[in-house]
Every structure is written in structure tokens, then in C-alpha cells.
Amino acid sequence: MLRDSIENDIEYYNTDRNQWTLIKMTPAEHRNHLLSATIQGLSFKNLYLKP
């Protein structure tokens, strides 16, 4: 019961909860965003530079 509750909280935190420090994305969305940029040849530090 406690284990299920903890697993549900972790699942929510990683997949549903938007986070201000991750550009209002969930951690899973942010990870996929960074992986997509890396595959396209962009560097991580250039993703957050404003024009």
C-alpha cells in the first residue's frame, strides 16, 4: 500500500507535473526535448538562449 502510493507519486512527478525550472515541461517531456535537440545536432546550452 505504501509502496503503491510512492510509485504513484513518482509517476505523477515524472509524467504529469509541469515544473517551472524545466520550461514548464514535465521531467519526461524535458528529457525528450533535450534528446531530440541532441539528435538534431544542437547543444544543450544553446537551447535556452533567447534571440
PDB file of N, CA and C in Angstrom:
ATOM      1  N   MET A   1       0.821  -1.189   0.000  1.00  0.00           N
ATOM      2  CA  MET A   1       0.000   0.000   0.000  1.00  0.00           C
ATOM      3  C   MET A   1       0.869   1.259   0.000  1.00  0.00           C
ATOM      4  N   LEU A   2       1.827   1.342   0.909  1.00  0.00           N
ATOM      5  CA  LEU A   2       2.739   2.481   0.929  1.00  0.00           C
ATOM      6  C   LEU A   2       3.581   2.507  -0.341  1.00  0.00           C
ATOM      7  N   ARG A   3       4.047   1.330  -0.751  1.00  0.00           N
ATOM      8  CA  ARG A   3       4.864   1.244  -1.963  1.00  0.00           C
ATOM      9  C   ARG A   3       4.080   1.739  -3.177  1.00  0.00           C
ATOM     10  N   ASP A   4       2.820   1.336  -3.298  1.00  0.00           N
ATOM     11  CA  ASP A   4       1.981   1.782  -4.414  1.00  0.00           C
ATOM     12  C   ASP A   4       1.792   3.298  -4.390  1.00  0.00           C
ATOM     13  N   SER A   5       1.607   3.842  -3.216  1.00  0.00           N
ATOM     14  CA  SER A   5       1.439   5.282  -3.076  1.00  0.00           C
ATOM     15  C   SER A   5       2.692   6.024  -3.527  1.00  0.00           C
ATOM     16  N   ILE A   6       3.831   5.530  -3.121  1.00  0.00           N
ATOM     17  CA  ILE A   6       5.104   6.155  -3.510  1.00  0.00           C
ATOM     18  C   ILE A   6       5.313   6.041  -5.017  1.00  0.00           C
ATOM     19  N   GLU A   7       5.039   4.872  -5.574  1.00  0.00           N
ATOM     20  CA  GLU A   7       5.198   4.687  -7.023  1.00  0.00           C
ATOM     21  C   GLU A   7       4.255   5.606  -7.804  1.00  0.00           C
ATOM     22  N   ASN A   8       3.034   5.782  -7.310  1.00  0.00           N
ATOM     23  CA  ASN A   8       2.094   6.697  -7.960  1.00  0.00           C
ATOM     24  C   ASN A   8       2.582   8.137  -7.890  1.00  0.00           C
ATOM     25  N   ASP A   9       3.142   8.535  -6.758  1.00  0.00           N
ATOM     26  CA  ASP A   9       3.675   9.887  -6.615  1.00  0.00           C
ATOM     27  C   ASP A   9       4.846  10.116  -7.564  1.00  0.00           C
ATOM     28  N   ILE A  10       5.725   9.144  -7.676  1.00  0.00           N
ATOM     29  CA  ILE A  10       6.870   9.265  -8.583  1.00  0.00           C
ATOM     30  C   ILE A  10       6.400   9.350 -10.035  1.00  0.00           C
ATOM     31  N   GLU A  11       5.436   8.515 -10.394  1.00  0.00           N
ATOM     32  CA  GLU A  11       4.880   8.544 -11.747  1.00  0.00           C
ATOM     33  C   GLU A  11       4.275   9.910 -12.057  1.00  0.00           C
ATOM     34  N   TYR A  12       3.506  10.451 -11.118  1.00  0.00           N
ATOM     35  CA  TYR A  12       2.912  11.782 -11.293  1.00  0.00           C
ATOM     36  C   TYR A  12       4.001  12.841 -11.451  1.00  0.00           C
ATOM     37  N   TYR A  13       4.999  12.801 -10.600  1.00  0.00           N
ATOM     38  CA  TYR A  13       6.069  13.796 -10.626  1.00  0.00           C
ATOM     39  C   TYR A  13       6.803  13.780 -11.967  1.00  0.00           C
ATOM     40  N   ASN A  14       7.048  12.595 -12.502  1.00  0.00           N
ATOM     41  CA  ASN A  14       7.842  12.477 -13.729  1.00  0.00           C
ATOM     42  C   ASN A  14       7.054  12.654 -15.013  1.00  0.00           C
ATOM     43  N   THR A  15       5.738  12.447 -14.981  1.00  0.00           N
ATOM     44  CA  THR A  15       4.997  12.448 -16.242  1.00  0.00           C
ATOM     45  C   THR A  15       3.874  13.480 -16.318  1.00  0.00           C
ATOM     46  N   ASP A  16       3.358  13.961 -15.203  1.00  0.00           N
ATOM     47  CA  ASP A  16       2.198  14.844 -15.247  1.00  0.00           C
ATOM     48  C   ASP A  16       2.442  16.239 -14.686  1.00  0.00           C
ATOM     49  N   ARG A  17       3.355  16.383 -13.789  1.00  0.00           N
ATOM     50  CA  ARG A  17       3.548  17.647 -13.077  1.00  0.00           C
ATOM     51  C   ARG A  17       4.475  18.568 -13.854  1.00  0.00           C
ATOM     52  N   ASN A  18       3.955  19.692 -14.329  1.00  0.00           N
ATOM     53  CA  ASN A  18       4.785  20.682 -15.015  1.00  0.00           C
ATOM     54  C   ASN A  18       5.690  21.365 -14.001  1.00  0.00           C
ATOM     55  N   GLN A  19       6.923  21.642 -14.404  1.00  0.00           N
ATOM     56  CA  GLN A  19       7.889  22.246 -13.497  1.00  0.00           C
ATOM     57  C   GLN A  19       8.424  23.538 -14.086  1.00  0.00           C
ATOM     58  N   TRP A  20       8.407  24.578 -13.299  1.00  0.00           N
ATOM     59  CA  TRP A  20       8.840  25.899 -13.757  1.00  0.00           C
ATOM     60  C   TRP A  20      10.306  25.913 -14.165  1.00  0.00           C
ATOM     61  N   THR A  21      11.148  25.140 -13.485  1.00  0.00           N
ATOM     62  CA  THR A  21      12.576  25.156 -13.802  1.00  0.00           C
ATOM     63  C   THR A  21      12.895  24.376 -15.071  1.00  0.00           C
ATOM     64  N   LEU A  22      11.925  23.623 -15.597  1.00  0.00           N
ATOM     65  CA  LEU A  22      12.132  22.857 -16.825  1.00  0.00           C
ATOM     66  C   LEU A  22      11.294  23.419 -17.970  1.00  0.00           C
ATOM     67  N   ILE A  23      11.191  24.744 -18.008  1.00  0.00           N
ATOM     68  CA  ILE A  23      10.448  25.435 -19.063  1.00  0.00           C
ATOM     69  C   ILE A  23       8.993  24.959 -19.101  1.00  0.00           C
ATOM     70  N   LYS A  24       8.415  24.784 -17.933  1.00  0.00           N
ATOM     71  CA  LYS A  24       7.013  24.361 -17.786  1.00  0.00           C
ATOM     72  C   LYS A  24       6.714  23.024 -18.449  1.00  0.00           C
ATOM     73  N   MET A  25       7.699  22.150 -18.499  1.00  0.00           N
ATOM     74  CA  MET A  25       7.518  20.798 -19.030  1.00  0.00           C
ATOM     75  C   MET A  25       7.588  19.809 -17.875  1.00  0.00           C
ATOM     76  N   THR A  26       7.059  18.615 -18.111  1.00  0.00           N
ATOM     77  CA  THR A  26       7.276  17.549 -17.141  1.00  0.00           C
ATOM     78  C   THR A  26       8.714  17.065 -17.314  1.00  0.00           C
ATOM     79  N   PRO A  27       9.284  16.396 -16.319  1.00  0.00           N
ATOM     80  CA  PRO A  27      10.637  15.876 -16.489  1.00  0.00           C
ATOM     81  C   PRO A  27      10.776  14.965 -17.716  1.00  0.00           C
ATOM     82  N   ALA A  28       9.778  14.148 -17.987  1.00  0.00           N
ATOM     83  CA  ALA A  28       9.832  13.259 -19.154  1.00  0.00           C
ATOM     84  C   ALA A  28       9.823  14.063 -20.452  1.00  0.00           C
ATOM     85  N   GLU A  29       8.984  15.088 -20.536  1.00  0.00           N
ATOM     86  CA  GLU A  29       8.953  15.941 -21.728  1.00  0.00           C
ATOM     87  C   GLU A  29      10.277  16.675 -21.913  1.00  0.00           C
ATOM     88  N   HIS A  30      10.858  17.150 -20.825  1.00  0.00           N
ATOM     89  CA  HIS A  30      12.132  17.871 -20.892  1.00  0.00           C
ATOM     90  C   HIS A  30      13.242  16.952 -21.374  1.00  0.00           C
ATOM     91  N   ARG A  31      13.286  15.729 -20.850  1.00  0.00           N
ATOM     92  CA  ARG A  31      14.293  14.755 -21.293  1.00  0.00           C
ATOM     93  C   ARG A  31      14.155  14.500 -22.787  1.00  0.00           C
ATOM     94  N   ASN A  32      12.926  14.282 -23.255  1.00  0.00           N
ATOM     95  CA  ASN A  32      12.712  14.029 -24.678  1.00  0.00           C
ATOM     96  C   ASN A  32      13.078  15.245 -25.526  1.00  0.00           C
ATOM     97  N   HIS A  33      12.807  16.431 -25.016  1.00  0.00           N
ATOM     98  CA  HIS A  33      13.174  17.674 -25.708  1.00  0.00           C
ATOM     99  C   HIS A  33      14.694  17.760 -25.880  1.00  0.00           C
ATOM    100  N   LEU A  34      15.428  17.470 -24.819  1.00  0.00           N
ATOM    101  CA  LEU A  34      16.886  17.535 -24.893  1.00  0.00           C
ATOM    102  C   LEU A  34      17.449  16.453 -25.804  1.00  0.00           C
ATOM    103  N   LEU A  35      16.888  15.251 -25.735  1.00  0.00           N
ATOM    104  CA  LEU A  35      17.360  14.179 -26.611  1.00  0.00           C
ATOM    105  C   LEU A  35      17.084  14.509 -28.075  1.00  0.00           C
ATOM    106  N   SER A  36      15.950  15.087 -28.348  1.00  0.00           N
ATOM    107  CA  SER A  36      15.605  15.479 -29.708  1.00  0.00           C
ATOM    108  C   SER A  36      16.589  16.533 -30.227  1.00  0.00           C
ATOM    109  N   ALA A  37      16.915  17.490 -29.395  1.00  0.00           N
ATOM    110  CA  ALA A  37      17.855  18.547 -29.800  1.00  0.00           C
ATOM    111  C   ALA A  37      19.246  17.975 -30.029  1.00  0.00           C
ATOM    112  N   THR A  38      19.653  17.023 -29.213  1.00  0.00           N
ATOM    113  CA  THR A  38      20.965  16.406 -29.373  1.00  0.00           C
ATOM    114  C   THR A  38      21.031  15.633 -30.684  1.00  0.00           C
ATOM    115  N   ILE A  39      19.976  14.921 -31.000  1.00  0.00           N
ATOM    116  CA  ILE A  39      19.931  14.158 -32.244  1.00  0.00           C
ATOM    117  C   ILE A  39      20.006  15.085 -33.448  1.00  0.00           C
ATOM    118  N   GLN A  40      19.417  16.262 -33.336  1.00  0.00           N
ATOM    119  CA  GLN A  40      19.427  17.221 -34.438  1.00  0.00           C
ATOM    120  C   GLN A  40      20.729  18.013 -34.506  1.00  0.00           C
ATOM    121  N   GLY A  41      21.660  17.737 -33.599  1.00  0.00           N
ATOM    122  CA  GLY A  41      22.959  18.375 -33.658  1.00  0.00           C
ATOM    123  C   GLY A  41      23.070  19.664 -32.884  1.00  0.00           C
ATOM    124  N   LEU A  42      22.100  19.995 -32.079  1.00  0.00           N
ATOM    125  CA  LEU A  42      22.169  21.203 -31.267  1.00  0.00           C
ATOM    126  C   LEU A  42      22.831  20.880 -29.928  1.00  0.00           C
ATOM    127  N   SER A  43      23.410  21.881 -29.310  1.00  0.00           N
ATOM    128  CA  SER A  43      23.975  21.657 -27.986  1.00  0.00           C
ATOM    129  C   SER A  43      22.972  22.093 -26.930  1.00  0.00           C
ATOM    130  N   PHE A  44      23.059  21.504 -25.748  1.00  0.00           N
ATOM    131  CA  PHE A  44      22.133  21.814 -24.663  1.00  0.00           C
ATOM    132  C   PHE A  44      22.180  23.287 -24.274  1.00  0.00           C
ATOM    133  N   LYS A  45      23.348  23.883 -24.236  1.00  0.00           N
ATOM    134  CA  LYS A  45      23.432  25.261 -23.757  1.00  0.00           C
ATOM    135  C   LYS A  45      22.782  26.248 -24.722  1.00  0.00           C
ATOM    136  N   ASN A  46      22.674  25.901 -25.996  1.00  0.00           N
ATOM    137  CA  ASN A  46      22.045  26.798 -26.966  1.00  0.00           C
ATOM    138  C   ASN A  46      20.521  26.708 -26.957  1.00  0.00           C
ATOM    139  N   LEU A  47      19.954  25.728 -26.269  1.00  0.00           N
ATOM    140  CA  LEU A  47      18.502  25.560 -26.259  1.00  0.00           C
ATOM    141  C   LEU A  47      17.813  26.685 -25.503  1.00  0.00           C
ATOM    142  N   TYR A  48      18.483  27.298 -24.548  1.00  0.00           N
ATOM    143  CA  TYR A  48      17.840  28.256 -23.671  1.00  0.00           C
ATOM    144  C   TYR A  48      18.235  29.693 -23.955  1.00  0.00           C
ATOM    145  N   LEU A  49      19.021  29.926 -24.963  1.00  0.00           N
ATOM    146  CA  LEU A  49      19.401  31.285 -25.298  1.00  0.00           C
ATOM    147  C   LEU A  49      18.260  31.967 -26.023  1.00  0.00           C
ATOM    148  N   LYS A  50      17.919  33.140 -25.576  1.00  0.00           N
ATOM    149  CA  LYS A  50      16.846  33.893 -26.222  1.00  0.00           C
ATOM    150  C   LYS A  50      17.437  34.732 -27.348  1.00  0.00           C
ATOM    151  N   PRO A  51      16.722  34.827 -28.480  1.00  0.00           N
ATOM    152  CA  PRO A  51      17.252  35.606 -29.606  1.00  0.00           C
ATOM    153  C   PRO A  51      17.307  37.079 -29.300  1.00  0.00           C
TER     154      PRO A  51
END
